[in-house]
Amino acid sequence: MLRMSRFLARYLLCLLLLNLAACSSMRTVDLQRAVQTSNARGVEYGRLVKVETLDNRTVKFRVTEMDQTGIGNGDEFFRYAQMKSLKVEDPHSNTRETTANWILGILGAIALVALVANSDSVSVCSPSPCPDG
């Protein structure tokens, strides 16, 4: 039983790490439209963005400053015209909900296997009482 609980604890830790690493869903922003209209759709203060510049730098940060020409994080400012791609965190993504459903399903299956593996032999007899033997 100790071995099973140790396995279960390690398994849960792996699932948690996978969930934290893979649950960020990003949506690509149309940079041509952002340059023309001075508005990057979906980019707001506090949103996580991933910027790839024309000189092949990739930077991930939360938006703390924004104007018609670009966005920044306080340390650096990136102009829309100098970006190769811009991706923004999608707040309407249901990735976390889907991941939670998978985790709960897997935990339920593990619990069922553990219950069956640790159960004593059960006999059902009809009519009662059951004969010993």
N, C-alpha and C. Protein backbone atom coordinates (compact mmCIF):
# COMPACT_ATOMS: atom_id res chain seq x y z
N MET A 1 0.83 -1.20 0.00
CA MET A 1 0.00 0.00 0.00
C MET A 1 0.87 1.26 0.00
N LEU A 2 1.97 1.21 0.75
CA LEU A 2 2.89 2.36 0.79
C LEU A 2 3.47 2.61 -0.60
N ARG A 3 3.76 1.53 -1.31
CA ARG A 3 4.31 1.65 -2.65
C ARG A 3 3.32 2.32 -3.60
N MET A 4 2.04 1.95 -3.46
CA MET A 4 0.99 2.52 -4.32
C MET A 4 0.80 4.01 -4.01
N SER A 5 0.83 4.39 -2.75
CA SER A 5 0.64 5.81 -2.41
C SER A 5 1.84 6.64 -2.86
N ARG A 6 3.03 6.08 -2.80
CA ARG A 6 4.22 6.80 -3.28
C ARG A 6 4.12 7.00 -4.80
N PHE A 7 3.70 5.96 -5.52
CA PHE A 7 3.51 6.07 -6.97
C PHE A 7 2.46 7.12 -7.30
N LEU A 8 1.35 7.09 -6.57
CA LEU A 8 0.28 8.04 -6.81
C LEU A 8 0.73 9.48 -6.56
N ALA A 9 1.51 9.69 -5.51
CA ALA A 9 2.02 11.04 -5.21
C ALA A 9 2.94 11.54 -6.32
N ARG A 10 3.81 10.68 -6.82
CA ARG A 10 4.71 11.08 -7.90
C ARG A 10 3.94 11.34 -9.19
N TYR A 11 2.93 10.52 -9.44
CA TYR A 11 2.11 10.67 -10.62
C TYR A 11 1.36 12.01 -10.59
N LEU A 12 0.80 12.35 -9.45
CA LEU A 12 0.09 13.62 -9.31
C LEU A 12 1.03 14.80 -9.49
N LEU A 13 2.25 14.69 -8.98
CA LEU A 13 3.23 15.76 -9.15
C LEU A 13 3.57 15.95 -10.62
N CYS A 14 3.75 14.85 -11.35
CA CYS A 14 4.03 14.95 -12.79
C CYS A 14 2.87 15.60 -13.53
N LEU A 15 1.64 15.22 -13.20
CA LEU A 15 0.48 15.83 -13.85
C LEU A 15 0.38 17.32 -13.55
N LEU A 16 0.66 17.69 -12.32
CA LEU A 16 0.62 19.11 -11.96
C LEU A 16 1.66 19.91 -12.74
N LEU A 17 2.88 19.38 -12.84
CA LEU A 17 3.92 20.07 -13.59
C LEU A 17 3.57 20.18 -15.07
N LEU A 18 3.00 19.13 -15.63
CA LEU A 18 2.57 19.18 -17.02
C LEU A 18 1.48 20.22 -17.21
N ASN A 19 0.55 20.28 -16.29
CA ASN A 19 -0.55 21.25 -16.35
C ASN A 19 -0.02 22.68 -16.29
N LEU A 20 0.91 22.94 -15.40
CA LEU A 20 1.46 24.29 -15.27
C LEU A 20 2.28 24.69 -16.48
N ALA A 21 2.95 23.73 -17.10
CA ALA A 21 3.81 24.05 -18.24
C ALA A 21 3.03 24.19 -19.54
N ALA A 22 1.94 23.49 -19.69
CA ALA A 22 1.28 23.42 -20.99
C ALA A 22 -0.05 24.14 -21.09
N CYS A 23 -0.45 24.88 -20.11
CA CYS A 23 -1.79 25.44 -20.13
C CYS A 23 -1.88 26.88 -20.58
N SER A 24 -0.90 27.36 -21.24
CA SER A 24 -0.99 28.72 -21.74
C SER A 24 -1.35 28.67 -23.21
N SER A 25 -2.52 29.16 -23.55
CA SER A 25 -2.97 29.16 -24.93
C SER A 25 -2.78 30.56 -25.50
N MET A 26 -2.03 30.65 -26.59
CA MET A 26 -1.72 31.94 -27.19
C MET A 26 -2.44 32.05 -28.53
N ARG A 27 -2.85 33.29 -28.85
CA ARG A 27 -3.54 33.59 -30.11
C ARG A 27 -2.70 34.60 -30.87
N THR A 28 -2.54 34.37 -32.17
CA THR A 28 -1.74 35.26 -33.01
C THR A 28 -2.51 36.55 -33.31
N VAL A 29 -1.80 37.66 -33.25
CA VAL A 29 -2.37 38.98 -33.52
C VAL A 29 -1.96 39.40 -34.93
N ASP A 30 -2.88 39.99 -35.69
CA ASP A 30 -2.62 40.48 -37.04
C ASP A 30 -1.82 41.77 -36.94
N LEU A 31 -0.51 41.68 -37.21
CA LEU A 31 0.37 42.85 -37.08
C LEU A 31 0.12 43.89 -38.15
N GLN A 32 -0.23 43.47 -39.34
CA GLN A 32 -0.50 44.44 -40.42
C GLN A 32 -1.67 45.34 -40.03
N ARG A 33 -2.69 44.75 -39.46
CA ARG A 33 -3.84 45.53 -39.00
C ARG A 33 -3.44 46.45 -37.83
N ALA A 34 -2.58 45.95 -36.95
CA ALA A 34 -2.14 46.75 -35.80
C ALA A 34 -1.36 47.98 -36.25
N VAL A 35 -0.52 47.82 -37.28
CA VAL A 35 0.25 48.96 -37.80
C VAL A 35 -0.67 49.97 -38.48
N GLN A 36 -1.65 49.47 -39.25
CA GLN A 36 -2.52 50.36 -40.00
C GLN A 36 -3.53 51.10 -39.12
N THR A 37 -4.07 50.42 -38.13
CA THR A 37 -5.13 51.02 -37.31
C THR A 37 -4.66 51.48 -35.95
N SER A 38 -3.40 51.26 -35.62
CA SER A 38 -2.85 51.61 -34.31
C SER A 38 -3.60 50.89 -33.18
N ASN A 39 -4.01 49.65 -33.45
CA ASN A 39 -4.75 48.89 -32.45
C ASN A 39 -4.46 47.40 -32.65
N ALA A 40 -3.84 46.79 -31.68
CA ALA A 40 -3.59 45.35 -31.72
C ALA A 40 -4.72 44.65 -30.98
N ARG A 41 -5.57 43.98 -31.73
CA ARG A 41 -6.75 43.37 -31.15
C ARG A 41 -6.37 42.28 -30.16
N GLY A 42 -6.94 42.36 -28.94
CA GLY A 42 -6.69 41.37 -27.90
C GLY A 42 -5.57 41.72 -26.95
N VAL A 43 -4.75 42.70 -27.31
CA VAL A 43 -3.65 43.10 -26.44
C VAL A 43 -4.17 44.13 -25.44
N GLU A 44 -4.03 43.80 -24.16
CA GLU A 44 -4.48 44.69 -23.09
C GLU A 44 -3.43 44.71 -21.99
N TYR A 45 -3.53 45.67 -21.11
CA TYR A 45 -2.61 45.75 -19.97
C TYR A 45 -2.71 44.48 -19.13
N GLY A 46 -1.54 43.95 -18.74
CA GLY A 46 -1.50 42.76 -17.90
C GLY A 46 -1.54 41.45 -18.64
N ARG A 47 -1.82 41.46 -19.93
CA ARG A 47 -1.86 40.22 -20.71
C ARG A 47 -0.45 39.72 -21.00
N LEU A 48 -0.30 38.42 -21.02
CA LEU A 48 0.96 37.78 -21.38
C LEU A 48 1.07 37.77 -22.90
N VAL A 49 2.17 38.28 -23.44
CA VAL A 49 2.39 38.29 -24.88
C VAL A 49 3.74 37.66 -25.20
N LYS A 50 3.84 37.17 -26.43
CA LYS A 50 5.10 36.62 -26.94
C LYS A 50 5.41 37.37 -28.23
N VAL A 51 6.52 38.09 -28.24
CA VAL A 51 6.92 38.92 -29.37
C VAL A 51 8.13 38.30 -30.04
N GLU A 52 8.06 38.16 -31.36
CA GLU A 52 9.23 37.78 -32.15
C GLU A 52 9.55 38.95 -33.05
N THR A 53 10.76 39.50 -32.90
CA THR A 53 11.14 40.69 -33.64
C THR A 53 11.76 40.31 -34.99
N LEU A 54 11.94 41.30 -35.84
CA LEU A 54 12.54 41.07 -37.16
C LEU A 54 13.99 40.62 -37.06
N ASP A 55 14.68 40.95 -35.97
CA ASP A 55 16.06 40.47 -35.78
C ASP A 55 16.11 39.13 -35.03
N ASN A 56 14.99 38.37 -35.07
CA ASN A 56 14.86 37.01 -34.54
C ASN A 56 15.02 36.89 -33.03
N ARG A 57 14.69 37.93 -32.29
CA ARG A 57 14.63 37.84 -30.83
C ARG A 57 13.22 37.43 -30.45
N THR A 58 13.10 36.58 -29.45
CA THR A 58 11.80 36.18 -28.94
C THR A 58 11.73 36.57 -27.47
N VAL A 59 10.70 37.34 -27.12
CA VAL A 59 10.55 37.84 -25.75
C VAL A 59 9.13 37.57 -25.29
N LYS A 60 9.01 37.08 -24.06
CA LYS A 60 7.69 36.83 -23.46
C LYS A 60 7.57 37.73 -22.24
N PHE A 61 6.48 38.49 -22.14
CA PHE A 61 6.32 39.42 -21.01
C PHE A 61 4.86 39.80 -20.84
N ARG A 62 4.57 40.44 -19.71
CA ARG A 62 3.25 41.00 -19.45
C ARG A 62 3.26 42.47 -19.86
N VAL A 63 2.21 42.90 -20.53
CA VAL A 63 2.13 44.27 -21.06
C VAL A 63 1.89 45.25 -19.92
N THR A 64 2.81 46.22 -19.79
CA THR A 64 2.65 47.27 -18.79
C THR A 64 2.54 48.66 -19.42
N GLU A 65 2.94 48.76 -20.68
CA GLU A 65 2.78 50.02 -21.39
C GLU A 65 2.36 49.74 -22.83
N MET A 66 1.55 50.65 -23.36
CA MET A 66 0.99 50.43 -24.68
C MET A 66 0.60 51.78 -25.27
N ASP A 67 0.90 51.97 -26.55
CA ASP A 67 0.41 53.13 -27.28
C ASP A 67 0.13 52.73 -28.72
N GLN A 68 -0.08 53.72 -29.61
CA GLN A 68 -0.45 53.40 -30.99
C GLN A 68 0.67 52.72 -31.76
N THR A 69 1.90 52.88 -31.33
CA THR A 69 3.03 52.35 -32.10
C THR A 69 3.52 50.99 -31.63
N GLY A 70 3.20 50.60 -30.38
CA GLY A 70 3.70 49.32 -29.90
C GLY A 70 3.35 49.05 -28.45
N ILE A 71 4.03 48.02 -27.89
CA ILE A 71 3.78 47.60 -26.51
C ILE A 71 5.12 47.40 -25.80
N GLY A 72 5.07 47.42 -24.47
CA GLY A 72 6.29 47.24 -23.70
C GLY A 72 6.01 46.66 -22.33
N ASN A 73 7.11 46.39 -21.62
CA ASN A 73 7.00 45.81 -20.28
C ASN A 73 7.72 46.65 -19.23
N GLY A 74 8.03 47.89 -19.54
CA GLY A 74 8.74 48.73 -18.59
C GLY A 74 10.24 48.75 -18.87
N ASP A 75 10.82 47.59 -19.17
CA ASP A 75 12.25 47.51 -19.49
C ASP A 75 12.51 47.77 -20.98
N GLU A 76 11.63 47.23 -21.82
CA GLU A 76 11.79 47.38 -23.26
C GLU A 76 10.46 47.75 -23.90
N PHE A 77 10.55 48.39 -25.06
CA PHE A 77 9.36 48.76 -25.82
C PHE A 77 9.52 48.21 -27.23
N PHE A 78 8.50 47.54 -27.75
CA PHE A 78 8.55 46.91 -29.06
C PHE A 78 7.51 47.57 -29.97
N ARG A 79 7.98 48.10 -31.10
CA ARG A 79 7.09 48.72 -32.07
C ARG A 79 6.47 47.64 -32.94
N TYR A 80 5.19 47.83 -33.32
CA TYR A 80 4.50 46.86 -34.17
C TYR A 80 5.24 46.68 -35.49
N ALA A 81 5.80 47.75 -36.04
CA ALA A 81 6.48 47.70 -37.33
C ALA A 81 7.76 46.87 -37.27
N GLN A 82 8.33 46.68 -36.07
CA GLN A 82 9.56 45.91 -35.93
C GLN A 82 9.32 44.47 -35.47
N MET A 83 8.04 44.06 -35.43
CA MET A 83 7.70 42.70 -34.98
C MET A 83 7.48 41.78 -36.17
N LYS A 84 7.99 40.56 -36.04
CA LYS A 84 7.72 39.52 -37.03
C LYS A 84 6.41 38.81 -36.68
N SER A 85 6.22 38.56 -35.38
CA SER A 85 4.96 37.96 -34.93
C SER A 85 4.65 38.42 -33.52
N LEU A 86 3.37 38.43 -33.20
CA LEU A 86 2.89 38.81 -31.87
C LEU A 86 1.78 37.84 -31.49
N LYS A 87 1.96 37.19 -30.36
CA LYS A 87 0.94 36.28 -29.85
C LYS A 87 0.52 36.76 -28.48
N VAL A 88 -0.77 36.67 -28.20
CA VAL A 88 -1.31 37.14 -26.93
C VAL A 88 -2.05 35.99 -26.26
N GLU A 89 -1.99 35.97 -24.95
CA GLU A 89 -2.68 34.96 -24.16
C GLU A 89 -4.17 35.04 -24.43
N ASP A 90 -4.81 33.91 -24.72
CA ASP A 90 -6.23 33.89 -25.04
C ASP A 90 -7.04 33.65 -23.77
N PRO A 91 -7.75 34.67 -23.28
CA PRO A 91 -8.49 34.51 -22.03
C PRO A 91 -9.73 33.64 -22.17
N HIS A 92 -10.19 33.41 -23.40
CA HIS A 92 -11.41 32.64 -23.60
C HIS A 92 -11.12 31.18 -23.90
N SER A 93 -9.87 30.78 -23.78
CA SER A 93 -9.51 29.40 -24.05
C SER A 93 -9.97 28.51 -22.91
N ASN A 94 -10.44 27.31 -23.25
CA ASN A 94 -10.89 26.38 -22.22
C ASN A 94 -9.86 25.29 -21.98
N THR A 95 -8.58 25.57 -22.23
CA THR A 95 -7.52 24.59 -22.05
C THR A 95 -7.45 24.10 -20.61
N ARG A 96 -7.58 25.00 -19.66
CA ARG A 96 -7.51 24.60 -18.25
C ARG A 96 -8.66 23.67 -17.88
N GLU A 97 -9.83 23.96 -18.41
CA GLU A 97 -10.99 23.12 -18.12
C GLU A 97 -10.79 21.72 -18.71
N THR A 98 -10.30 21.65 -19.93
CA THR A 98 -10.05 20.36 -20.56
C THR A 98 -8.99 19.58 -19.80
N THR A 99 -7.92 20.25 -19.41
CA THR A 99 -6.86 19.59 -18.65
C THR A 99 -7.38 19.08 -17.33
N ALA A 100 -8.20 19.86 -16.66
CA ALA A 100 -8.78 19.42 -15.37
C ALA A 100 -9.65 18.19 -15.57
N ASN A 101 -10.41 18.14 -16.65
CA ASN A 101 -11.23 16.96 -16.92
C ASN A 101 -10.37 15.72 -17.15
N TRP A 102 -9.29 15.86 -17.89
CA TRP A 102 -8.39 14.74 -18.11
C TRP A 102 -7.77 14.26 -16.80
N ILE A 103 -7.32 15.21 -15.99
CA ILE A 103 -6.69 14.83 -14.71
C ILE A 103 -7.68 14.12 -13.81
N LEU A 104 -8.90 14.64 -13.72
CA LEU A 104 -9.90 13.98 -12.88
C LEU A 104 -10.26 12.59 -13.42
N GLY A 105 -10.32 12.43 -14.73
CA GLY A 105 -10.59 11.13 -15.31
C GLY A 105 -9.50 10.12 -15.02
N ILE A 106 -8.25 10.56 -15.14
CA ILE A 106 -7.12 9.67 -14.86
C ILE A 106 -7.07 9.30 -13.39
N LEU A 107 -7.31 10.29 -12.52
CA LEU A 107 -7.33 10.00 -11.08
C LEU A 107 -8.45 9.02 -10.72
N GLY A 108 -9.61 9.17 -11.38
CA GLY A 108 -10.70 8.23 -11.14
C GLY A 108 -10.33 6.82 -11.57
N ALA A 109 -9.67 6.69 -12.71
CA ALA A 109 -9.24 5.37 -13.18
C ALA A 109 -8.21 4.76 -12.23
N ILE A 110 -7.28 5.56 -11.74
CA ILE A 110 -6.29 5.07 -10.78
C ILE A 110 -6.96 4.63 -9.49
N ALA A 111 -7.92 5.40 -9.03
CA ALA A 111 -8.64 5.04 -7.80
C ALA A 111 -9.39 3.73 -7.99
N LEU A 112 -9.99 3.53 -9.15
CA LEU A 112 -10.71 2.29 -9.43
C LEU A 112 -9.76 1.09 -9.45
N VAL A 113 -8.61 1.25 -10.10
CA VAL A 113 -7.61 0.17 -10.14
C VAL A 113 -7.11 -0.14 -8.74
N ALA A 114 -6.83 0.89 -7.95
CA ALA A 114 -6.36 0.67 -6.57
C ALA A 114 -7.43 -0.02 -5.74
N LEU A 115 -8.68 0.33 -5.92
CA LEU A 115 -9.77 -0.30 -5.18
C LEU A 115 -9.89 -1.77 -5.53
N VAL A 116 -9.83 -2.08 -6.81
CA VAL A 116 -9.93 -3.48 -7.24
C VAL A 116 -8.72 -4.28 -6.77
N ALA A 117 -7.53 -3.70 -6.86
CA ALA A 117 -6.31 -4.41 -6.47
C ALA A 117 -6.26 -4.68 -4.97
N ASN A 118 -6.85 -3.85 -4.16
CA ASN A 118 -6.78 -3.99 -2.71
C ASN A 118 -8.02 -4.62 -2.09
N SER A 119 -8.96 -5.02 -2.91
CA SER A 119 -10.19 -5.59 -2.35
C SER A 119 -9.99 -7.07 -2.01
N ASP A 120 -10.70 -7.54 -1.00
CA ASP A 120 -10.70 -8.96 -0.65
C ASP A 120 -11.63 -9.66 -1.62
N SER A 121 -11.54 -10.98 -1.62
CA SER A 121 -12.43 -11.72 -2.52
C SER A 121 -13.86 -11.57 -2.02
N VAL A 122 -14.74 -11.29 -2.91
CA VAL A 122 -16.14 -11.08 -2.58
C VAL A 122 -16.95 -12.14 -3.32
N SER A 123 -17.85 -12.77 -2.61
CA SER A 123 -18.69 -13.75 -3.28
C SER A 123 -20.15 -13.37 -3.09
N VAL A 124 -20.90 -13.54 -4.13
CA VAL A 124 -22.32 -13.24 -4.09
C VAL A 124 -23.05 -14.55 -4.29
N CYS A 125 -23.93 -14.89 -3.39
CA CYS A 125 -24.67 -16.12 -3.54
C CYS A 125 -26.16 -15.87 -3.44
N SER A 126 -26.85 -16.67 -4.14
CA SER A 126 -28.29 -16.57 -4.12
C SER A 126 -28.82 -18.00 -4.09
N PRO A 127 -29.64 -18.40 -3.34
CA PRO A 127 -30.28 -17.74 -2.20
C PRO A 127 -29.36 -17.70 -0.99
N SER A 128 -29.63 -16.81 -0.04
CA SER A 128 -28.84 -16.72 1.16
C SER A 128 -29.19 -17.86 2.10
N PRO A 129 -28.46 -18.14 3.02
CA PRO A 129 -27.09 -17.79 3.38
C PRO A 129 -26.08 -18.49 2.47
N CYS A 130 -24.93 -17.91 2.39
CA CYS A 130 -23.87 -18.47 1.55
C CYS A 130 -23.23 -19.66 2.27
N PRO A 131 -22.94 -20.71 1.53
CA PRO A 131 -22.25 -21.84 2.16
C PRO A 131 -20.78 -21.49 2.38
N ASP A 132 -20.22 -21.93 3.47
CA ASP A 132 -18.78 -21.71 3.74
C ASP A 132 -17.98 -22.69 2.91
N GLY A 133 -16.88 -22.19 2.42
CA GLY A 133 -16.06 -23.15 1.69
C GLY A 133 -15.15 -22.56 0.78
